[in-house]
Amino acid sequence: MQSNSAAARPVSYKLDYIASSKLPTPWATFEIHIFIDRATAKEHLMLTLGELGDGAPVLARVHSECLTGDALFSQRCDCGAQLESAMQIIAAEGRGALLYLRQEGRGIGLVNKIRAYQLQDAGADTVEANEQLGFPADMRRYDLCKPMLDRFGITALKLMTNNPRKVAAMENLGIEVAERLPLQVNRNAYNENYLSTKAAKLGHWLKERL
């Protein structure tokens, strides 16, 4: 299981809020809010629905960008299905937040992610592929969630995740995780090894079969 040491060392991210707008989707009309990281110039976004600053735990998903899964419907991962399911669940609740972080390929970027796919096609698992390219198994950071949540007065979450690092990261940022809700969807023949590696090497809370 991967160490939570990265999650345990929060830093102060300088995130500038830029603009908000309505975002109609098939499930609800969300508010979309755009932030820019001063250090990297990366844009991060947050979808919100309903009143969030009343102190009650907010149903939330912290989702890292996956162009291939989120936009191109790749079945190699469960990312796109998790994104869609989270939006549907928040819409049904009538209240919640989705933080969309620009951390493609577990933080290694799109080009290196496709290079990692090439290594996986040759037999490496996702962790081995990243390491063969000279990267850690997972380079994502969640510190930038804090200023995004602070803007809406969110101090406690009902967090939709299978990833123990996300729970630890939120708690180390001073955000209470009042409840952890599993989000296991779209296990298929193409992502079976991907999901098994998540469980075996990264400690994700996943069932062997849906």
C-alpha atoms as a PDB file:
ATOM      1  CA  MET A   1       0.000   0.000   0.000  1.00  0.00           C
ATOM      2  CA  GLN A   2       1.299   3.434  -0.942  1.00  0.00           C
ATOM      3  CA  SER A   3       2.412   5.664   1.916  1.00  0.00           C
ATOM      4  CA  ASN A   4       0.178   8.564   2.908  1.00  0.00           C
ATOM      5  CA  SER A   5       3.217  10.740   3.622  1.00  0.00           C
ATOM      6  CA  ALA A   6       2.458  13.114   0.739  1.00  0.00           C
ATOM      7  CA  ALA A   7      -1.034  13.648   2.051  1.00  0.00           C
ATOM      8  CA  ALA A   8       0.363  14.395   5.503  1.00  0.00           C
ATOM      9  CA  ARG A   9       2.416  17.405   4.367  1.00  0.00           C
ATOM     10  CA  PRO A  10      -0.082  20.065   3.259  1.00  0.00           C
ATOM     11  CA  VAL A  11       1.236  23.244   1.702  1.00  0.00           C
ATOM     12  CA  SER A  12      -0.414  26.606   1.228  1.00  0.00           C
ATOM     13  CA  TYR A  13      -1.689  26.800  -2.316  1.00  0.00           C
ATOM     14  CA  LYS A  14      -2.266  30.235  -3.844  1.00  0.00           C
ATOM     15  CA  LEU A  15      -5.431  29.756  -5.849  1.00  0.00           C
ATOM     16  CA  ASP A  16      -7.174  32.716  -7.457  1.00  0.00           C
ATOM     17  CA  TYR A  17     -10.922  32.560  -7.977  1.00  0.00           C
ATOM     18  CA  ILE A  18     -11.741  33.798 -11.492  1.00  0.00           C
ATOM     19  CA  ALA A  19     -15.400  33.404 -12.439  1.00  0.00           C
ATOM     20  CA  SER A  20     -18.610  31.406 -12.035  1.00  0.00           C
ATOM     21  CA  SER A  21     -21.468  30.474 -14.333  1.00  0.00           C
ATOM     22  CA  LYS A  22     -24.415  28.122 -14.616  1.00  0.00           C
ATOM     23  CA  LEU A  23     -23.685  24.703 -16.108  1.00  0.00           C
ATOM     24  CA  PRO A  24     -26.781  22.809 -17.262  1.00  0.00           C
ATOM     25  CA  THR A  25     -26.187  19.037 -17.428  1.00  0.00           C
ATOM     26  CA  PRO A  26     -28.495  16.081 -18.097  1.00  0.00           C
ATOM     27  CA  TRP A  27     -28.947  15.678 -14.325  1.00  0.00           C
ATOM     28  CA  ALA A  28     -29.014  19.172 -12.835  1.00  0.00           C
ATOM     29  CA  THR A  29     -27.966  22.761 -13.448  1.00  0.00           C
ATOM     30  CA  PHE A  30     -24.761  23.159 -11.467  1.00  0.00           C
ATOM     31  CA  GLU A  31     -22.750  26.274 -10.763  1.00  0.00           C
ATOM     32  CA  ILE A  32     -19.260  26.034 -12.248  1.00  0.00           C
ATOM     33  CA  HIS A  33     -16.440  27.970 -10.570  1.00  0.00           C
ATOM     34  CA  ILE A  34     -12.976  28.435 -12.065  1.00  0.00           C
ATOM     35  CA  PHE A  35      -9.749  28.866 -10.094  1.00  0.00           C
ATOM     36  CA  ILE A  36      -6.160  29.358 -11.290  1.00  0.00           C
ATOM     37  CA  ASP A  37      -3.092  28.095  -9.449  1.00  0.00           C
ATOM     38  CA  ARG A  38      -0.616  30.990  -9.347  1.00  0.00           C
ATOM     39  CA  ALA A  39       2.422  28.686  -9.314  1.00  0.00           C
ATOM     40  CA  THR A  40       1.495  26.522 -12.323  1.00  0.00           C
ATOM     41  CA  ALA A  41      -1.155  28.607 -14.136  1.00  0.00           C
ATOM     42  CA  LYS A  42      -3.321  25.478 -14.227  1.00  0.00           C
ATOM     43  CA  GLU A  43      -7.070  25.950 -14.140  1.00  0.00           C
ATOM     44  CA  HIS A  44      -9.036  23.903 -11.612  1.00  0.00           C
ATOM     45  CA  LEU A  45     -12.785  23.896 -11.342  1.00  0.00           C
ATOM     46  CA  MET A  46     -15.533  23.155  -8.886  1.00  0.00           C
ATOM     47  CA  LEU A  47     -19.154  22.267  -9.521  1.00  0.00           C
ATOM     48  CA  THR A  48     -21.622  23.120  -6.774  1.00  0.00           C
ATOM     49  CA  LEU A  49     -25.296  22.478  -6.213  1.00  0.00           C
ATOM     50  CA  GLY A  50     -27.468  23.851  -3.435  1.00  0.00           C
ATOM     51  CA  GLU A  51     -26.579  25.620  -0.181  1.00  0.00           C
ATOM     52  CA  LEU A  52     -23.169  24.417   1.024  1.00  0.00           C
ATOM     53  CA  GLY A  53     -22.067  26.758   3.809  1.00  0.00           C
ATOM     54  CA  ASP A  54     -24.573  25.767   6.494  1.00  0.00           C
ATOM     55  CA  GLY A  55     -22.118  23.550   8.395  1.00  0.00           C
ATOM     56  CA  ALA A  56     -23.686  20.216   7.437  1.00  0.00           C
ATOM     57  CA  PRO A  57     -21.385  17.695   5.716  1.00  0.00           C
ATOM     58  CA  VAL A  58     -21.415  18.180   1.949  1.00  0.00           C
ATOM     59  CA  LEU A  59     -21.699  15.272  -0.468  1.00  0.00           C
ATOM     60  CA  ALA A  60     -18.548  15.607  -2.552  1.00  0.00           C
ATOM     61  CA  ARG A  61     -16.265  14.046  -5.117  1.00  0.00           C
ATOM     62  CA  VAL A  62     -12.610  15.035  -5.576  1.00  0.00           C
ATOM     63  CA  HIS A  63     -11.862  14.012  -9.157  1.00  0.00           C
ATOM     64  CA  SER A  64      -8.548  14.247 -11.000  1.00  0.00           C
ATOM     65  CA  GLU A  65      -8.643  14.978 -14.715  1.00  0.00           C
ATOM     66  CA  CYS A  66      -8.658  11.987 -17.066  1.00  0.00           C
ATOM     67  CA  LEU A  67      -9.065  13.126 -20.670  1.00  0.00           C
ATOM     68  CA  THR A  68      -9.192   9.588 -22.040  1.00  0.00           C
ATOM     69  CA  GLY A  69     -11.824   8.426 -19.568  1.00  0.00           C
ATOM     70  CA  ASP A  70     -13.792  11.613 -18.904  1.00  0.00           C
ATOM     71  CA  ALA A  71     -14.024  12.903 -22.491  1.00  0.00           C
ATOM     72  CA  LEU A  72     -13.126  10.004 -24.788  1.00  0.00           C
ATOM     73  CA  PHE A  73     -15.013   7.224 -22.947  1.00  0.00           C
ATOM     74  CA  SER A  74     -11.973   4.964 -22.468  1.00  0.00           C
ATOM     75  CA  GLN A  75     -12.725   1.666 -20.777  1.00  0.00           C
ATOM     76  CA  ARG A  76      -9.117   1.252 -19.586  1.00  0.00           C
ATOM     77  CA  CYS A  77     -10.031   3.006 -16.331  1.00  0.00           C
ATOM     78  CA  ASP A  78     -13.116   3.788 -14.252  1.00  0.00           C
ATOM     79  CA  CYS A  79     -12.619   7.575 -14.246  1.00  0.00           C
ATOM     80  CA  GLY A  80     -15.312   8.652 -16.683  1.00  0.00           C
ATOM     81  CA  ALA A  81     -17.879   6.380 -15.071  1.00  0.00           C
ATOM     82  CA  GLN A  82     -16.971   7.698 -11.624  1.00  0.00           C
ATOM     83  CA  LEU A  83     -17.316  11.306 -12.812  1.00  0.00           C
ATOM     84  CA  GLU A  84     -20.733  10.684 -14.344  1.00  0.00           C
ATOM     85  CA  SER A  85     -21.960   8.678 -11.352  1.00  0.00           C
ATOM     86  CA  ALA A  86     -20.796  11.341  -8.900  1.00  0.00           C
ATOM     87  CA  MET A  87     -22.625  14.077 -10.807  1.00  0.00           C
ATOM     88  CA  GLN A  88     -25.779  11.958 -10.910  1.00  0.00           C
ATOM     89  CA  ILE A  89     -25.596  11.209  -7.172  1.00  0.00           C
ATOM     90  CA  ILE A  90     -25.065  14.887  -6.293  1.00  0.00           C
ATOM     91  CA  ALA A  91     -27.970  15.861  -8.545  1.00  0.00           C
ATOM     92  CA  ALA A  92     -30.246  13.310  -6.866  1.00  0.00           C
ATOM     93  CA  GLU A  93     -29.197  14.668  -3.456  1.00  0.00           C
ATOM     94  CA  GLY A  94     -29.884  18.229  -4.594  1.00  0.00           C
ATOM     95  CA  ARG A  95     -26.773  19.432  -2.763  1.00  0.00           C
ATOM     96  CA  GLY A  96     -23.090  18.777  -3.205  1.00  0.00           C
ATOM     97  CA  ALA A  97     -19.760  19.647  -4.765  1.00  0.00           C
ATOM     98  CA  LEU A  98     -17.399  18.168  -7.314  1.00  0.00           C
ATOM     99  CA  LEU A  99     -13.793  19.364  -7.354  1.00  0.00           C
ATOM    100  CA  TYR A 100     -12.159  18.738 -10.736  1.00  0.00           C
ATOM    101  CA  LEU A 101      -8.378  18.896 -10.432  1.00  0.00           C
ATOM    102  CA  ARG A 102      -6.064  19.156 -13.440  1.00  0.00           C
ATOM    103  CA  GLN A 103      -3.804  16.250 -12.456  1.00  0.00           C
ATOM    104  CA  GLU A 104      -3.835  14.112 -15.588  1.00  0.00           C
ATOM    105  CA  GLY A 105      -2.399  10.609 -15.401  1.00  0.00           C
ATOM    106  CA  ARG A 106      -2.034  10.596 -11.586  1.00  0.00           C
ATOM    107  CA  GLY A 107      -0.005  13.775 -11.981  1.00  0.00           C
ATOM    108  CA  ILE A 108       2.411  12.757 -14.767  1.00  0.00           C
ATOM    109  CA  GLY A 109       0.581  14.574 -17.574  1.00  0.00           C
ATOM    110  CA  LEU A 110      -1.155  13.401 -20.737  1.00  0.00           C
ATOM    111  CA  VAL A 111       1.950  12.664 -22.848  1.00  0.00           C
ATOM    112  CA  ASN A 112       3.528  10.504 -20.155  1.00  0.00           C
ATOM    113  CA  LYS A 113       0.188   8.859 -19.448  1.00  0.00           C
ATOM    114  CA  ILE A 114       0.016   7.619 -23.058  1.00  0.00           C
ATOM    115  CA  ARG A 115       3.643   6.452 -22.774  1.00  0.00           C
ATOM    116  CA  ALA A 116       2.562   4.558 -19.652  1.00  0.00           C
ATOM    117  CA  TYR A 117      -0.326   3.039 -21.608  1.00  0.00           C
ATOM    118  CA  GLN A 118       2.202   1.800 -24.169  1.00  0.00           C
ATOM    119  CA  LEU A 119       4.169   0.074 -21.411  1.00  0.00           C
ATOM    120  CA  GLN A 120       0.945  -1.397 -20.048  1.00  0.00           C
ATOM    121  CA  ASP A 121       0.150  -2.763 -23.516  1.00  0.00           C
ATOM    122  CA  ALA A 122       3.482  -4.588 -23.269  1.00  0.00           C
ATOM    123  CA  GLY A 123       2.583  -6.150 -19.904  1.00  0.00           C
ATOM    124  CA  ALA A 124       3.384  -3.628 -17.144  1.00  0.00           C
ATOM    125  CA  ASP A 125       0.751  -2.729 -14.587  1.00  0.00           C
ATOM    126  CA  THR A 126      -0.086   0.921 -13.919  1.00  0.00           C
ATOM    127  CA  VAL A 127       2.357   1.273 -11.032  1.00  0.00           C
ATOM    128  CA  GLU A 128       5.196  -0.459 -12.899  1.00  0.00           C
ATOM    129  CA  ALA A 129       4.599   1.695 -15.986  1.00  0.00           C
ATOM    130  CA  ASN A 130       4.886   4.944 -14.030  1.00  0.00           C
ATOM    131  CA  GLU A 131       8.022   3.722 -12.283  1.00  0.00           C
ATOM    132  CA  GLN A 132       9.618   2.624 -15.572  1.00  0.00           C
ATOM    133  CA  LEU A 133       9.107   6.192 -16.796  1.00  0.00           C
ATOM    134  CA  GLY A 134      10.856   7.510 -13.683  1.00  0.00           C
ATOM    135  CA  PHE A 135       7.771   8.662 -11.768  1.00  0.00           C
ATOM    136  CA  PRO A 136       6.210   7.631  -8.459  1.00  0.00           C
ATOM    137  CA  ALA A 137       3.074   5.488  -8.646  1.00  0.00           C
ATOM    138  CA  ASP A 138       0.887   8.495  -7.826  1.00  0.00           C
ATOM    139  CA  MET A 139       2.044  12.130  -7.925  1.00  0.00           C
ATOM    140  CA  ARG A 140      -1.312  13.765  -7.201  1.00  0.00           C
ATOM    141  CA  ARG A 141      -1.656  16.348  -4.437  1.00  0.00           C
ATOM    142  CA  TYR A 142      -4.899  17.415  -2.811  1.00  0.00           C
ATOM    143  CA  ASP A 143      -3.743  20.510  -0.902  1.00  0.00           C
ATOM    144  CA  LEU A 144      -5.352  22.831  -3.428  1.00  0.00           C
ATOM    145  CA  CYS A 145      -8.782  21.526  -2.372  1.00  0.00           C
ATOM    146  CA  LYS A 146      -8.596  23.578   0.827  1.00  0.00           C
ATOM    147  CA  PRO A 147      -8.920  27.078  -0.684  1.00  0.00           C
ATOM    148  CA  MET A 148     -11.645  25.822  -3.015  1.00  0.00           C
ATOM    149  CA  LEU A 149     -13.647  24.383  -0.123  1.00  0.00           C
ATOM    150  CA  ASP A 150     -12.937  27.425   2.053  1.00  0.00           C
ATOM    151  CA  ARG A 151     -14.510  29.727  -0.522  1.00  0.00           C
ATOM    152  CA  PHE A 152     -17.865  28.016   0.062  1.00  0.00           C
ATOM    153  CA  GLY A 153     -17.518  27.570   3.818  1.00  0.00           C
ATOM    154  CA  ILE A 154     -17.287  23.782   3.517  1.00  0.00           C
ATOM    155  CA  THR A 155     -15.696  22.177   6.580  1.00  0.00           C
ATOM    156  CA  ALA A 156     -17.055  18.604   6.443  1.00  0.00           C
ATOM    157  CA  LEU A 157     -17.605  16.131   3.624  1.00  0.00           C
ATOM    158  CA  LYS A 158     -19.478  12.999   2.748  1.00  0.00           C
ATOM    159  CA  LEU A 159     -16.697  11.950   0.394  1.00  0.00           C
ATOM    160  CA  MET A 160     -17.319   9.684  -2.593  1.00  0.00           C
ATOM    161  CA  THR A 161     -14.044   7.797  -3.016  1.00  0.00           C
ATOM    162  CA  ASN A 162     -12.332   4.415  -2.952  1.00  0.00           C
ATOM    163  CA  ASN A 163      -8.940   6.016  -2.301  1.00  0.00           C
ATOM    164  CA  PRO A 164      -7.598   6.112   1.286  1.00  0.00           C
ATOM    165  CA  ARG A 165      -5.104   8.846   0.322  1.00  0.00           C
ATOM    166  CA  LYS A 166      -7.962  11.248  -0.430  1.00  0.00           C
ATOM    167  CA  VAL A 167      -9.534  10.636   2.962  1.00  0.00           C
ATOM    168  CA  ALA A 168      -6.181  11.153   4.691  1.00  0.00           C
ATOM    169  CA  ALA A 169      -5.467  14.277   2.617  1.00  0.00           C
ATOM    170  CA  MET A 170      -8.778  15.917   3.526  1.00  0.00           C
ATOM    171  CA  GLU A 171      -8.327  15.130   7.214  1.00  0.00           C
ATOM    172  CA  ASN A 172      -4.775  16.502   7.180  1.00  0.00           C
ATOM    173  CA  LEU A 173      -6.113  19.715   5.648  1.00  0.00           C
ATOM    174  CA  GLY A 174      -8.545  20.087   8.539  1.00  0.00           C
ATOM    175  CA  ILE A 175     -11.574  18.985   6.518  1.00  0.00           C
ATOM    176  CA  GLU A 176     -13.725  16.495   8.405  1.00  0.00           C
ATOM    177  CA  VAL A 177     -14.658  13.349   6.463  1.00  0.00           C
ATOM    178  CA  ALA A 178     -17.950  12.622   8.187  1.00  0.00           C
ATOM    179  CA  GLU A 179     -18.649   9.685   5.873  1.00  0.00           C
ATOM    180  CA  ARG A 180     -16.831   7.793   3.146  1.00  0.00           C
ATOM    181  CA  LEU A 181     -19.079   6.588   0.329  1.00  0.00           C
ATOM    182  CA  PRO A 182     -17.727   3.938  -2.082  1.00  0.00           C
ATOM    183  CA  LEU A 183     -17.861   4.758  -5.791  1.00  0.00           C
ATOM    184  CA  GLN A 184     -17.133   1.523  -7.617  1.00  0.00           C
ATOM    185  CA  VAL A 185     -18.532   1.474 -11.142  1.00  0.00           C
ATOM    186  CA  ASN A 186     -17.836   0.076 -14.611  1.00  0.00           C
ATOM    187  CA  ARG A 187     -15.492  -2.812 -13.827  1.00  0.00           C
ATOM    188  CA  ASN A 188     -14.936  -4.499 -17.180  1.00  0.00           C
ATOM    189  CA  ALA A 189     -12.549  -6.724 -19.105  1.00  0.00           C
ATOM    190  CA  TYR A 190     -10.379  -3.765 -20.140  1.00  0.00           C
ATOM    191  CA  ASN A 191      -9.838  -2.282 -16.674  1.00  0.00           C
ATOM    192  CA  GLU A 192      -9.780  -5.444 -14.561  1.00  0.00           C
ATOM    193  CA  ASN A 193      -5.997  -5.363 -14.107  1.00  0.00           C
ATOM    194  CA  TYR A 194      -6.043  -1.590 -13.544  1.00  0.00           C
ATOM    195  CA  LEU A 195      -8.542  -1.923 -10.708  1.00  0.00           C
ATOM    196  CA  SER A 196      -6.806  -4.958  -9.210  1.00  0.00           C
ATOM    197  CA  THR A 197      -3.525  -3.000  -9.163  1.00  0.00           C
ATOM    198  CA  LYS A 198      -5.254  -0.078  -7.440  1.00  0.00           C
ATOM    199  CA  ALA A 199      -6.370  -2.423  -4.691  1.00  0.00           C
ATOM    200  CA  ALA A 200      -3.175  -4.487  -4.367  1.00  0.00           C
ATOM    201  CA  LYS A 201      -0.519  -1.765  -4.727  1.00  0.00           C
ATOM    202  CA  LEU A 202      -2.265   1.515  -3.872  1.00  0.00           C
ATOM    203  CA  GLY A 203      -4.568   0.242  -1.144  1.00  0.00           C
ATOM    204  CA  HIS A 204      -7.843   1.321  -2.735  1.00  0.00           C
ATOM    205  CA  TRP A 205     -10.983  -0.041  -1.125  1.00  0.00           C
ATOM    206  CA  LEU A 206     -12.342  -2.130  -3.996  1.00  0.00           C
ATOM    207  CA  LYS A 207     -14.330  -5.318  -4.235  1.00  0.00           C
ATOM    208  CA  GLU A 208     -12.942  -8.023  -6.475  1.00  0.00           C
ATOM    209  CA  ARG A 209     -16.153  -8.087  -8.488  1.00  0.00           C
ATOM    210  CA  LEU A 210     -19.142  -5.787  -8.752  1.00  0.00           C
END
